[in-house]
Amino acid sequence: MGADLPAMDLLPLVSALNADYARAIDDDRLEAWPGFFVEQCVYKITSADNYRQGFEAGVVYADSQGMLRDRVAALREANVYERQTYRHIVGLPAILGDADGAVRVETPFLVVRIMRDGTMDLFATGRYVDALVDQAGALRFRERIVVCDSNRFDTLLAIPL
């Protein structure tokens, strides 16, 4: 799997991974979220400007599956934020090629945030810039950089994008 498959064969696998990832977040199954990543991974949320300029820091940054699990635990047990859910609309991925033993993929997304009172807001748009690897016959994220189109981030950015 992965780098050995032609791009057209990878497309349904990457699409399914993105759909499963979004569904886990949207269905509030956040404990499943770290399982989409390999143990040593990078997850970062940043702006398009910062990404373009090569700035490493992000609004959210984790460099291991353990850090992702800690983030979920904090959301469940420690952080205080208004109850909300997301609805992801994920576009078709573009398979960009192979690099460093991973398949490089870019996928557009749109996230609508639904607040407890039913208010819906366009919360984030952007693209996922991913490095995917095979782990026991399944694609997993070695790197997922969430590149948001806007430079403005809501203070309620609690749930993973």
Protein backbone atom coordinates (compact mmCIF):
# COMPACT_ATOMS: atom_id res chain seq x y z
CA MET A 1 0.00 0.00 0.00
CA GLY A 2 1.03 3.64 -0.07
CA ALA A 3 3.90 4.68 -2.28
CA ASP A 4 3.77 1.44 -4.30
CA LEU A 5 0.24 2.08 -5.60
CA PRO A 6 -0.56 4.35 -8.55
CA ALA A 7 -2.32 7.61 -7.64
CA MET A 8 -5.67 6.45 -9.04
CA ASP A 9 -5.58 3.36 -6.80
CA LEU A 10 -4.75 5.50 -3.78
CA LEU A 11 -7.58 7.97 -4.34
CA PRO A 12 -10.38 5.82 -2.85
CA LEU A 13 -8.17 4.83 0.11
CA VAL A 14 -7.27 8.44 0.90
CA SER A 15 -10.89 9.53 0.44
CA ALA A 16 -12.05 6.83 2.86
CA LEU A 17 -9.40 7.84 5.41
CA ASN A 18 -10.51 11.48 5.21
CA ALA A 19 -14.18 10.51 5.52
CA ASP A 20 -13.54 8.28 8.54
CA TYR A 21 -11.39 10.99 10.15
CA ALA A 22 -14.08 13.66 9.68
CA ARG A 23 -16.86 11.35 10.83
CA ALA A 24 -15.00 10.52 14.06
CA ILE A 25 -14.67 14.23 14.89
CA ASP A 26 -18.18 15.17 13.77
CA ASP A 27 -19.72 12.28 15.76
CA ASP A 28 -17.80 13.33 18.91
CA ARG A 29 -15.76 10.14 18.90
CA LEU A 30 -12.63 12.12 19.72
CA GLU A 31 -11.00 9.17 21.48
CA ALA A 32 -10.74 7.51 18.03
CA TRP A 33 -8.99 10.56 16.51
CA PRO A 34 -5.39 9.72 17.58
CA GLY A 35 -5.76 6.29 15.95
CA PHE A 36 -5.67 7.90 12.51
CA PHE A 37 -2.01 8.79 13.15
CA VAL A 38 1.18 6.78 13.55
CA GLU A 39 2.90 6.95 16.95
CA GLN A 40 5.53 9.50 15.88
CA CYS A 41 3.47 12.03 13.96
CA VAL A 42 2.91 15.74 13.49
CA TYR A 43 -0.48 17.43 13.75
CA LYS A 44 -0.52 21.18 13.33
CA ILE A 45 -3.12 23.87 12.67
CA THR A 46 -1.70 26.98 11.04
CA SER A 47 -2.65 29.78 8.65
CA ALA A 48 -1.98 29.84 4.92
CA ASP A 49 0.34 32.83 5.39
CA ASN A 50 2.40 31.08 8.06
CA TYR A 51 2.55 27.89 6.00
CA ARG A 52 3.64 29.79 2.88
CA GLN A 53 6.40 31.52 4.84
CA GLY A 54 7.58 28.23 6.36
CA PHE A 55 6.86 29.17 9.98
CA GLU A 56 6.91 26.02 12.09
CA ALA A 57 4.75 27.17 14.99
CA GLY A 58 1.04 26.55 14.78
CA VAL A 59 -2.06 27.45 16.74
CA VAL A 60 -2.20 23.77 17.70
CA TYR A 61 0.85 21.51 17.60
CA ALA A 62 1.44 17.88 18.55
CA ASP A 63 4.33 15.64 17.61
CA SER A 64 3.16 12.24 18.84
CA GLN A 65 0.06 10.13 19.14
CA GLY A 66 0.45 10.48 22.92
CA MET A 67 0.14 14.27 22.64
CA LEU A 68 -3.04 13.79 20.59
CA ARG A 69 -4.47 11.50 23.29
CA ASP A 70 -3.54 14.11 25.92
CA ARG A 71 -5.37 16.77 23.91
CA VAL A 72 -8.53 14.64 23.85
CA ALA A 73 -8.23 13.95 27.58
CA ALA A 74 -7.89 17.68 28.25
CA LEU A 75 -10.96 18.40 26.13
CA ARG A 76 -12.97 15.83 28.05
CA GLU A 77 -11.72 16.53 31.56
CA ALA A 78 -10.02 19.90 31.96
CA ASN A 79 -10.89 22.47 29.31
CA VAL A 80 -14.00 24.57 29.68
CA TYR A 81 -15.64 25.63 26.43
CA GLU A 82 -19.16 26.01 25.10
CA ARG A 83 -20.58 22.74 23.83
CA GLN A 84 -20.30 22.55 20.05
CA THR A 85 -20.02 20.11 17.19
CA TYR A 86 -18.52 20.25 13.73
CA ARG A 87 -19.65 19.17 10.31
CA HIS A 88 -16.77 18.62 7.91
CA ILE A 89 -17.18 18.85 4.15
CA VAL A 90 -14.06 17.29 2.68
CA GLY A 91 -13.14 17.63 -0.99
CA LEU A 92 -11.40 15.18 -3.25
CA PRO A 93 -7.76 14.62 -2.38
CA ALA A 94 -4.96 15.43 -4.80
CA ILE A 95 -2.19 12.83 -4.72
CA LEU A 96 1.00 14.87 -5.06
CA GLY A 97 3.57 12.07 -5.12
CA ASP A 98 5.99 10.30 -2.81
CA ALA A 99 8.60 11.81 -0.52
CA ASP A 100 10.57 10.37 2.39
CA GLY A 101 8.67 7.07 2.33
CA ALA A 102 5.27 8.75 2.49
CA VAL A 103 2.54 9.63 0.03
CA ARG A 104 1.99 13.39 -0.13
CA VAL A 105 -1.64 14.45 -0.39
CA GLU A 106 -3.54 17.73 -0.30
CA THR A 107 -7.28 17.86 0.41
CA PRO A 108 -9.59 20.90 0.68
CA PHE A 109 -11.99 21.13 3.62
CA LEU A 110 -14.76 23.28 5.04
CA VAL A 111 -15.94 23.05 8.66
CA VAL A 112 -19.28 24.33 9.93
CA ARG A 113 -19.53 24.77 13.71
CA ILE A 114 -22.88 24.06 15.35
CA MET A 115 -23.35 25.62 18.77
CA ARG A 116 -25.55 24.30 21.58
CA ASP A 117 -28.32 26.78 20.68
CA GLY A 118 -28.35 25.60 17.06
CA THR A 119 -26.41 28.54 15.62
CA MET A 120 -24.29 27.46 12.67
CA ASP A 121 -21.18 29.32 11.52
CA LEU A 122 -18.70 28.77 8.75
CA PHE A 123 -15.85 28.00 11.14
CA ALA A 124 -12.86 27.13 8.97
CA THR A 125 -11.84 26.54 5.37
CA GLY A 126 -8.53 25.42 4.07
CA ARG A 127 -6.59 22.35 3.07
CA TYR A 128 -5.05 19.36 4.71
CA VAL A 129 -1.42 18.84 3.72
CA ASP A 130 -0.64 15.25 4.59
CA ALA A 131 2.12 12.68 4.59
CA LEU A 132 0.52 9.24 4.65
CA VAL A 133 2.20 5.93 5.41
CA ASP A 134 1.14 2.31 5.54
CA GLN A 135 0.63 0.92 9.02
CA ALA A 136 -0.41 -2.73 9.15
CA GLY A 137 -2.20 -2.47 5.80
CA ALA A 138 -3.99 0.83 6.49
CA LEU A 139 -3.10 4.40 5.58
CA ARG A 140 -2.27 6.57 8.57
CA PHE A 141 -1.12 10.16 8.96
CA ARG A 142 2.55 10.65 9.65
CA GLU A 143 1.88 14.35 9.24
CA ARG A 144 -1.31 16.37 8.97
CA ILE A 145 -0.88 20.09 8.62
CA VAL A 146 -4.23 21.87 8.72
CA VAL A 147 -3.66 25.00 6.65
CA CYS A 148 -6.52 27.42 7.31
CA ASP A 149 -7.30 30.05 4.69
CA SER A 150 -7.83 32.77 7.29
CA ASN A 151 -5.26 34.24 9.65
CA ARG A 152 -7.94 34.73 12.29
CA PHE A 153 -8.62 31.92 14.72
CA ASP A 154 -11.64 31.70 16.98
CA THR A 155 -10.82 31.38 20.66
CA LEU A 156 -13.13 28.35 20.71
CA LEU A 157 -10.76 26.29 18.55
CA ALA A 158 -10.96 23.34 20.90
CA ILE A 159 -11.99 20.35 18.80
CA PRO A 160 -9.51 19.07 16.21
CA LEU A 161 -10.04 20.16 12.64
